[in-house]
Amino acid sequence: MDDQLANVFRGYIELGIQERKEFREMISEFEGADYSKKKEAREIFNKSLGPLMNDVCKCCGK
């Protein structure tokens, strides 16, 4: 398992049961979407969920 995948999995196992369910649903929706919807989702998440200068990532510590 590479480091990036390990970090995602580490974050996943820290979620509660309901959060895990929501995450799996989000992944399923994303995988079933067409290219334009995936591109739009990537852009939105990159803008809204990017790292903050004063915050440390809970998953990887960066």
Protein backbone atom coordinates (compact mmCIF):
# COMPACT_ATOMS: atom_id res chain seq x y z
CA MET A 1 0.00 0.00 0.00
CA ASP A 2 1.47 3.36 -0.96
CA ASP A 3 1.61 6.32 1.46
CA GLN A 4 -1.26 8.24 -0.11
CA LEU A 5 -3.61 5.26 0.10
CA ALA A 6 -2.48 4.54 3.65
CA ASN A 7 -3.29 8.13 4.66
CA VAL A 8 -6.78 7.90 3.17
CA PHE A 9 -7.41 4.58 4.90
CA ARG A 10 -6.09 5.95 8.21
CA GLY A 11 -8.59 8.80 7.92
CA TYR A 12 -11.40 6.41 7.02
CA ILE A 13 -10.87 4.20 10.06
CA GLU A 14 -11.00 7.28 12.30
CA LEU A 15 -14.55 8.03 11.12
CA GLY A 16 -17.65 6.99 13.02
CA ILE A 17 -20.10 4.44 11.63
CA GLN A 18 -22.45 7.05 10.10
CA GLU A 19 -19.54 9.03 8.64
CA ARG A 20 -18.17 5.87 7.04
CA LYS A 21 -21.57 5.17 5.48
CA GLU A 22 -21.76 8.73 4.08
CA PHE A 23 -18.20 8.46 2.77
CA ARG A 24 -18.94 5.19 0.96
CA GLU A 25 -22.05 6.76 -0.58
CA MET A 26 -20.00 9.75 -1.77
CA ILE A 27 -17.42 7.44 -3.35
CA SER A 28 -20.15 5.45 -5.08
CA GLU A 29 -21.78 8.61 -6.46
CA PHE A 30 -18.43 9.94 -7.64
CA GLU A 31 -17.46 6.70 -9.38
CA GLY A 32 -20.83 6.58 -11.15
CA ALA A 33 -20.66 10.18 -12.37
CA ASP A 34 -19.64 11.25 -15.84
CA TYR A 35 -16.36 13.06 -16.56
CA SER A 36 -17.77 16.60 -16.28
CA LYS A 37 -19.37 15.89 -12.89
CA LYS A 38 -16.11 14.36 -11.62
CA LYS A 39 -14.15 17.38 -12.83
CA GLU A 40 -16.61 19.74 -11.15
CA ALA A 41 -16.42 17.77 -7.88
CA ARG A 42 -12.60 17.86 -7.93
CA GLU A 43 -12.60 21.63 -8.45
CA ILE A 44 -15.12 22.23 -5.65
CA PHE A 45 -13.27 20.01 -3.19
CA ASN A 46 -9.88 21.50 -4.06
CA LYS A 47 -11.25 24.98 -3.36
CA SER A 48 -13.30 24.22 -0.26
CA LEU A 49 -11.28 21.47 1.42
CA GLY A 50 -7.72 22.47 0.69
CA PRO A 51 -5.34 22.65 3.65
CA LEU A 52 -5.47 25.75 5.80
CA MET A 53 -2.23 27.55 6.55
CA ASN A 54 -2.84 27.37 10.31
CA ASP A 55 -4.25 23.85 10.49
CA VAL A 56 -2.64 20.42 10.47
CA CYS A 57 -4.17 17.53 8.57
CA LYS A 58 -5.60 14.98 11.02
CA CYS A 59 -4.70 12.12 8.68
CA CYS A 60 -1.12 12.80 7.67
CA GLY A 61 0.06 15.55 10.02
CA LYS A 62 1.08 17.88 7.19
